């Protein structure tokens, strides 16, 4: 005797639109595709409990991917080096401010460019130059995770809607329908977490992009120009020279902070 062909659930677009009016056509179409893979006649309690488990596991894997990316050396140390550089430059700016009042009489020597933490500034500039090249692929990885999260979100939504639809099927056993309701709720909760991670990934990528721009603009372009100007000045700076280089430095500090 020929075997009986078991078909998945067939649902019209109109029926799905009536059941889920708040959802988009894309989401309902995806839910229809999920339903087509489920055969109600063979759906037991254990089967219902497993629906969407793989999607939830993928969410955990995506979170771990993001954590691994954020643990990269460039992501961890570049902000630290930049913060230290800003602190040094602010100290230099203070040292470049000509003393006023009684300080003018107490000062014995004019400031020398060599006194302005030049060696550590050069070391930090070199480190940041190396690290900034590593930020570009890191940003690409974060954006790829965000895109993968978007794909996962769509699949979670479709599967959750499919579970909701099936939970209304009176031909299914009560325990199966109850399990489907629970799965729909669990998948919806995971979906909310995925969407939060999408937003977090976008914010992370934007933060890395801003960090890269600050390093490029302030550390690799403006700072070398300032240091070159400083190297052309005499061994000791008079008050006018102090004012000029201090104002230039203040602009660099502003770029690094914004």
Protein backbone atom coordinates (compact mmCIF):
# COMPACT_ATOMS: atom_id res chain seq x y z
CA UNK A 1 0.00 0.00 0.00
CA UNK A 2 1.42 3.36 -0.97
CA UNK A 3 2.46 5.54 1.97
CA UNK A 4 0.39 8.55 2.86
CA UNK A 5 1.92 11.88 1.84
CA UNK A 6 2.10 14.20 4.83
CA UNK A 7 1.98 17.87 4.01
CA UNK A 8 2.93 20.89 6.04
CA UNK A 9 0.47 23.56 7.06
CA UNK A 10 -0.92 25.58 4.18
CA UNK A 11 -2.16 29.02 5.12
CA UNK A 12 -3.43 31.77 2.85
CA UNK A 13 -2.00 35.26 2.98
CA UNK A 14 -5.47 36.59 3.82
CA UNK A 15 -5.80 34.26 6.81
CA UNK A 16 -2.42 35.29 8.17
CA UNK A 17 -3.24 38.95 7.64
CA UNK A 18 -6.43 38.51 9.65
CA UNK A 19 -4.62 36.69 12.48
CA UNK A 20 -1.57 38.99 12.55
CA UNK A 21 -2.72 42.38 11.23
CA UNK A 22 0.10 44.22 13.02
CA UNK A 23 2.80 42.29 11.17
CA UNK A 24 4.29 43.14 7.77
CA UNK A 25 3.66 41.13 4.61
CA UNK A 26 7.30 40.02 4.76
CA UNK A 27 6.92 38.65 8.29
CA UNK A 28 3.68 36.86 7.43
CA UNK A 29 5.19 35.34 4.29
CA UNK A 30 8.14 34.07 6.34
CA UNK A 31 5.75 32.61 8.92
CA UNK A 32 3.88 30.83 6.13
CA UNK A 33 7.16 29.29 4.97
CA UNK A 34 7.86 28.01 8.52
CA UNK A 35 4.35 26.55 8.78
CA UNK A 36 4.86 24.70 5.51
CA UNK A 37 7.68 22.73 7.16
CA UNK A 38 5.51 21.52 10.07
CA UNK A 39 3.23 18.50 9.76
CA UNK A 40 0.50 18.74 12.44
CA UNK A 41 -0.35 15.03 12.21
CA UNK A 42 3.13 14.10 13.44
CA UNK A 43 3.66 16.99 15.83
CA UNK A 44 4.06 15.73 19.38
CA UNK A 45 4.79 17.54 22.63
CA UNK A 46 8.56 16.97 22.38
CA UNK A 47 8.57 18.19 18.76
CA UNK A 48 6.75 21.36 19.76
CA UNK A 49 9.24 21.97 22.56
CA UNK A 50 12.13 21.90 20.09
CA UNK A 51 10.72 24.45 17.63
CA UNK A 52 13.07 27.42 17.39
CA UNK A 53 15.68 26.05 19.82
CA UNK A 54 18.36 26.29 17.14
CA UNK A 55 17.51 29.96 16.59
CA UNK A 56 17.93 30.71 20.28
CA UNK A 57 21.29 28.93 20.27
CA UNK A 58 22.36 31.09 17.33
CA UNK A 59 21.56 34.17 19.39
CA UNK A 60 23.97 33.02 22.08
CA UNK A 61 26.62 32.41 19.43
CA UNK A 62 26.16 35.90 17.99
CA UNK A 63 26.52 37.49 21.44
CA UNK A 64 29.73 35.54 21.99
CA UNK A 65 31.02 36.72 18.61
CA UNK A 66 30.43 40.32 19.61
CA UNK A 67 32.15 39.79 22.96
CA UNK A 68 35.15 38.25 21.21
CA UNK A 69 35.41 41.19 18.82
CA UNK A 70 35.21 43.71 21.66
CA UNK A 71 37.99 41.87 23.47
CA UNK A 72 40.40 42.62 20.60
CA UNK A 73 43.59 44.46 21.56
CA UNK A 74 42.81 47.51 19.43
CA UNK A 75 39.35 47.95 20.93
CA UNK A 76 40.62 47.65 24.51
CA UNK A 77 43.87 49.61 24.36
CA UNK A 78 43.31 52.34 21.77
CA UNK A 79 40.91 54.32 24.04
CA UNK A 80 43.36 53.93 26.94
CA UNK A 81 46.31 55.22 24.91
CA UNK A 82 44.20 58.06 23.53
CA UNK A 83 43.08 59.04 27.03
CA UNK A 84 46.68 59.06 28.22
CA UNK A 85 47.74 61.15 25.23
CA UNK A 86 45.00 63.71 25.89
CA UNK A 87 46.10 63.91 29.53
CA UNK A 88 49.71 64.56 28.48
CA UNK A 89 48.69 67.19 25.94
CA UNK A 90 46.54 68.97 28.52
CA UNK A 91 49.56 69.02 30.84
CA UNK A 92 51.63 70.47 28.00
CA UNK A 93 48.99 73.13 27.39
CA UNK A 94 49.17 74.12 31.06
CA UNK A 95 52.95 74.31 30.90
CA UNK A 96 52.74 76.47 27.79
CA UNK A 97 50.52 79.04 29.48
CA UNK A 98 52.76 82.02 30.28
CA UNK A 99 52.76 82.80 34.01
CA UNK A 100 51.16 86.02 35.15
CA UNK A 101 51.61 88.27 38.15
CA UNK A 102 54.21 87.18 40.65
CA UNK A 103 54.85 84.03 38.60
CA UNK A 104 56.61 86.13 35.99
CA UNK A 105 59.20 87.20 38.56
CA UNK A 106 59.64 83.76 40.08
CA UNK A 107 60.23 81.98 36.79
CA UNK A 108 63.93 81.48 36.20
CA UNK A 109 64.04 79.73 32.82
CA UNK A 110 62.01 79.95 29.66
CA UNK A 111 60.17 76.75 28.70
CA UNK A 112 62.03 74.38 26.40
CA UNK A 113 60.18 72.18 23.83
CA UNK A 114 62.11 69.19 25.16
CA UNK A 115 60.29 69.64 28.47
CA UNK A 116 56.90 68.85 26.91
CA UNK A 117 56.81 65.06 27.41
CA UNK A 118 58.00 64.61 23.83
CA UNK A 119 59.24 61.04 24.22
CA UNK A 120 56.02 59.60 25.69
CA UNK A 121 53.90 61.54 23.21
CA UNK A 122 55.85 60.01 20.33
CA UNK A 123 55.45 56.53 21.83
CA UNK A 124 51.71 56.96 22.18
CA UNK A 125 51.42 58.35 18.66
CA UNK A 126 53.28 55.31 17.33
CA UNK A 127 51.07 52.86 19.23
CA UNK A 128 47.86 54.56 18.12
CA UNK A 129 49.08 54.59 14.52
CA UNK A 130 49.44 50.82 14.69
CA UNK A 131 46.16 50.23 16.46
CA UNK A 132 44.02 52.42 14.19
CA UNK A 133 44.71 50.10 11.25
CA UNK A 134 43.14 47.28 13.26
CA UNK A 135 39.92 49.19 13.95
CA UNK A 136 38.69 49.02 10.33
CA UNK A 137 38.33 45.20 10.16
CA UNK A 138 36.94 45.23 13.69
CA UNK A 139 34.16 47.61 12.62
CA UNK A 140 33.43 45.38 9.63
CA UNK A 141 33.06 42.40 11.97
CA UNK A 142 30.68 44.29 14.23
CA UNK A 143 28.53 45.35 11.26
CA UNK A 144 28.48 41.75 9.99
CA UNK A 145 27.23 40.63 13.41
CA UNK A 146 24.55 43.32 13.27
CA UNK A 147 23.42 42.07 9.85
CA UNK A 148 23.40 38.48 11.07
CA UNK A 149 21.31 39.61 14.05
CA UNK A 150 18.81 41.19 11.65
CA UNK A 151 18.50 37.91 9.74
CA UNK A 152 18.07 36.02 13.00
CA UNK A 153 15.42 38.48 14.19
CA UNK A 154 13.36 37.86 11.05
CA UNK A 155 13.58 34.09 11.54
CA UNK A 156 12.64 34.32 15.21
CA UNK A 157 9.62 36.46 14.39
CA UNK A 158 8.46 34.08 11.66
CA UNK A 159 8.85 31.03 13.90
CA UNK A 160 7.09 32.72 16.80
CA UNK A 161 4.15 33.62 14.56
CA UNK A 162 4.03 30.05 13.27
CA UNK A 163 3.86 28.74 16.85
CA UNK A 164 1.06 31.17 17.66
CA UNK A 165 -0.87 30.06 14.60
CA UNK A 166 -0.49 26.37 15.42
CA UNK A 167 -1.47 26.92 19.06
CA UNK A 168 -4.96 27.81 17.79
CA UNK A 169 -5.32 24.45 16.02
CA UNK A 170 -8.04 22.57 17.92
CA UNK A 171 -7.04 19.27 16.28
CA UNK A 172 -3.76 19.24 18.22
CA UNK A 173 -3.49 17.74 21.68
CA UNK A 174 -3.87 20.18 24.57
CA UNK A 175 -0.30 19.65 25.78
CA UNK A 176 1.03 20.29 22.28
CA UNK A 177 -0.90 23.53 21.97
CA UNK A 178 0.34 24.59 25.40
CA UNK A 179 3.93 23.84 24.38
CA UNK A 180 3.46 25.88 21.21
CA UNK A 181 2.19 28.85 23.22
CA UNK A 182 5.22 28.60 25.49
CA UNK A 183 7.58 28.42 22.51
CA UNK A 184 5.96 31.46 20.91
CA UNK A 185 6.51 33.43 24.12
CA UNK A 186 10.10 32.23 24.54
CA UNK A 187 10.95 33.08 20.94
CA UNK A 188 9.39 36.53 21.32
CA UNK A 189 11.57 37.17 24.36
CA UNK A 190 14.67 36.08 22.47
CA UNK A 191 13.61 38.33 19.59
CA UNK A 192 13.56 41.31 21.96
CA UNK A 193 17.10 40.46 23.08
CA UNK A 194 18.26 40.15 19.48
CA UNK A 195 16.87 43.56 18.61
CA UNK A 196 18.67 45.06 21.61
CA UNK A 197 21.90 43.49 20.38
CA UNK A 198 21.27 44.94 16.91
CA UNK A 199 21.10 48.41 18.44
CA UNK A 200 24.16 47.70 20.60
CA UNK A 201 26.13 46.49 17.58
CA UNK A 202 25.22 49.62 15.64
CA UNK A 203 26.24 51.85 18.57
CA UNK A 204 29.48 49.90 18.97
CA UNK A 205 30.36 50.28 15.30
CA UNK A 206 29.62 54.01 15.41
CA UNK A 207 31.78 54.37 18.52
CA UNK A 208 34.67 52.57 16.84
CA UNK A 209 34.24 54.71 13.74
CA UNK A 210 34.36 57.89 15.85
CA UNK A 211 37.45 56.60 17.67
CA UNK A 212 39.17 55.88 14.38
CA UNK A 213 38.34 59.35 13.06
CA UNK A 214 39.67 61.01 16.21
CA UNK A 215 42.94 59.13 15.91
CA UNK A 216 43.28 59.86 12.19
CA UNK A 217 42.37 63.51 12.46
CA UNK A 218 44.01 64.42 15.75
CA UNK A 219 46.86 61.97 16.31
CA UNK A 220 48.05 61.10 12.81
CA UNK A 221 47.44 64.44 11.06
CA UNK A 222 47.21 67.42 13.43
CA UNK A 223 49.62 66.26 16.14
CA UNK A 224 52.59 65.57 13.82
CA UNK A 225 52.13 69.02 12.27
CA UNK A 226 52.20 70.59 15.73
CA UNK A 227 55.28 68.61 16.73
CA UNK A 228 57.00 69.61 13.49
CA UNK A 229 56.22 73.27 14.21
CA UNK A 230 57.53 72.83 17.74
CA UNK A 231 60.80 71.40 16.42
CA UNK A 232 61.44 74.57 14.38
CA UNK A 233 61.28 76.81 17.43
CA UNK A 234 64.36 77.87 19.43
CA UNK A 235 65.56 75.78 22.41
CA UNK A 236 63.70 78.13 24.77
CA UNK A 237 60.26 79.59 24.10
CA UNK A 238 59.33 83.18 24.76
CA UNK A 239 55.81 84.16 25.80
CA UNK A 240 54.60 84.87 22.26
CA UNK A 241 55.77 81.48 21.05
CA UNK A 242 54.09 79.88 24.03
CA UNK A 243 50.76 81.48 23.16
CA UNK A 244 50.95 80.33 19.54
CA UNK A 245 51.84 76.70 20.16
CA UNK A 246 49.44 76.50 23.11
CA UNK A 247 46.51 77.65 20.96
CA UNK A 248 47.44 75.15 18.26
CA UNK A 249 47.61 72.43 20.89
CA UNK A 250 44.23 73.43 22.34
CA UNK A 251 42.65 72.85 18.93
CA UNK A 252 44.19 69.38 18.73
CA UNK A 253 42.92 68.48 22.21
CA UNK A 254 39.45 69.62 21.16
CA UNK A 255 39.59 67.33 18.09
CA UNK A 256 40.68 64.38 20.20
CA UNK A 257 37.85 64.88 22.68
CA UNK A 258 34.93 65.57 20.40
